[in-house]
Amino acid sequence: MRPLLLLVAATTLIASGCTWVHMAPGASRVRVIAAGTGPAGCEKRGEVEVSVKDRIGPYERNDLRVREELETLARNEAPGLGADTVQPLDAPHDGEQRFAAWRCTRG
């Protein structure tokens, strides 16, 4: 029983540090801006809701890692909306977050 418990604990610790979300082509050019008023001179292209696992079994994943993955997912969605900027609309909750998608460059 004890080796199984150690294996589960080790797997959880290793997995909680992993990033499972990878940036899609084109997403690296999408910038993330702070929450608040929409950016001046930009056209709103829509909203996206993204989600990741925020816990593995009874263990919560690192909050910063979850936030980074949510931002990456939002950036991944932006090019499909013709957007080059994303902005959080609310704080992450249970591994989910909403973002506004904006086009701020012309062309």
Protein backbone atom coordinates (compact mmCIF):
# COMPACT_ATOMS: atom_id res chain seq x y z
CA MET A 1 0.00 0.00 0.00
CA ARG A 2 2.79 2.42 0.88
CA PRO A 3 4.65 2.12 -2.47
CA LEU A 4 1.37 2.85 -4.28
CA LEU A 5 0.83 5.96 -2.18
CA LEU A 6 4.38 7.15 -2.92
CA LEU A 7 3.87 6.53 -6.63
CA VAL A 8 0.63 8.52 -6.67
CA ALA A 9 2.23 11.39 -4.73
CA ALA A 10 5.29 11.49 -7.01
CA THR A 11 3.17 11.38 -10.16
CA THR A 12 0.99 14.22 -8.88
CA LEU A 13 3.99 16.39 -8.01
CA ILE A 14 5.58 15.84 -11.40
CA ALA A 15 2.35 16.39 -13.33
CA SER A 16 1.48 19.57 -11.43
CA GLY A 17 4.64 21.19 -12.75
CA CYS A 18 4.04 20.21 -16.36
CA THR A 19 2.63 22.49 -18.99
CA TRP A 20 0.19 20.58 -21.16
CA VAL A 21 -0.87 23.45 -23.38
CA HIS A 22 1.37 24.38 -26.29
CA MET A 23 1.22 27.54 -28.38
CA ALA A 24 -0.36 27.14 -31.81
CA PRO A 25 1.12 28.65 -34.98
CA GLY A 26 0.41 32.38 -35.08
CA ALA A 27 -0.43 32.61 -31.38
CA SER A 28 3.03 33.89 -30.44
CA ARG A 29 2.15 37.18 -32.20
CA VAL A 30 -0.95 37.65 -30.01
CA ARG A 31 -0.36 39.88 -27.02
CA VAL A 32 -2.12 39.69 -23.67
CA ILE A 33 -3.17 42.97 -22.06
CA ALA A 34 -4.36 43.66 -18.53
CA ALA A 35 -8.01 43.44 -17.57
CA GLY A 36 -9.96 46.67 -17.55
CA THR A 37 -11.09 49.13 -20.18
CA GLY A 38 -10.81 47.95 -23.77
CA PRO A 39 -7.75 49.15 -25.64
CA ALA A 40 -8.12 52.43 -27.56
CA GLY A 41 -8.25 52.23 -31.33
CA CYS A 42 -8.95 48.50 -31.37
CA GLU A 43 -11.86 46.57 -32.84
CA LYS A 44 -13.49 43.91 -30.66
CA ARG A 45 -13.57 40.63 -32.57
CA GLY A 46 -15.39 38.50 -30.00
CA GLU A 47 -14.92 36.58 -26.79
CA VAL A 48 -13.43 33.20 -26.00
CA GLU A 49 -13.88 30.94 -23.01
CA VAL A 50 -11.04 28.55 -22.29
CA SER A 51 -10.51 25.86 -19.68
CA VAL A 52 -7.81 23.56 -18.31
CA LYS A 53 -7.61 21.06 -15.48
CA ASP A 54 -6.98 22.99 -12.28
CA ARG A 55 -6.69 19.88 -10.15
CA ILE A 56 -5.49 16.33 -10.46
CA GLY A 57 -7.61 14.19 -8.20
CA PRO A 58 -7.59 15.84 -4.78
CA TYR A 59 -4.50 17.95 -5.59
CA GLU A 60 -4.74 21.50 -6.90
CA ARG A 61 -2.34 22.47 -9.69
CA ASN A 62 -0.07 25.48 -9.40
CA ASP A 63 -2.22 28.62 -9.85
CA LEU A 64 0.38 30.42 -11.94
CA ARG A 65 0.73 27.44 -14.28
CA VAL A 66 -3.07 27.27 -14.72
CA ARG A 67 -3.19 31.02 -15.51
CA GLU A 68 -0.37 30.67 -18.06
CA GLU A 69 -2.14 27.80 -19.78
CA LEU A 70 -5.43 29.72 -19.91
CA GLU A 71 -3.64 32.68 -21.52
CA THR A 72 -1.97 30.37 -24.03
CA LEU A 73 -5.31 28.83 -24.97
CA ALA A 74 -6.84 32.29 -25.43
CA ARG A 75 -3.88 33.31 -27.60
CA ASN A 76 -4.35 30.12 -29.63
CA GLU A 77 -7.98 31.08 -30.35
CA ALA A 78 -7.32 34.73 -31.28
CA PRO A 79 -6.01 34.27 -34.85
CA GLY A 80 -9.19 32.37 -35.77
CA LEU A 81 -11.17 35.47 -34.81
CA GLY A 82 -8.88 37.82 -36.69
CA ALA A 83 -7.58 39.16 -33.37
CA ASP A 84 -4.05 40.07 -32.34
CA THR A 85 -4.73 40.94 -28.69
CA VAL A 86 -6.57 39.18 -25.85
CA GLN A 87 -7.76 40.62 -22.55
CA PRO A 88 -9.09 38.71 -19.54
CA LEU A 89 -12.71 39.55 -18.76
CA ASP A 90 -12.72 37.86 -15.38
CA ALA A 91 -10.42 35.94 -13.05
CA PRO A 92 -9.86 32.22 -13.54
CA HIS A 93 -12.40 30.08 -11.69
CA ASP A 94 -12.31 26.28 -11.51
CA GLY A 95 -9.86 26.20 -14.42
CA GLU A 96 -12.02 28.38 -16.71
CA GLN A 97 -11.61 31.97 -17.87
CA ARG A 98 -13.16 34.33 -20.44
CA PHE A 99 -11.16 36.68 -22.67
CA ALA A 100 -12.07 39.46 -25.08
CA ALA A 101 -10.37 39.24 -28.46
CA TRP A 102 -9.29 42.49 -30.15
CA ARG A 103 -7.72 43.52 -33.45
CA CYS A 104 -5.42 46.42 -32.71
CA THR A 105 -3.23 46.51 -35.80
CA ARG A 106 -4.45 47.45 -39.23
CA GLY A 107 -3.68 45.42 -42.27
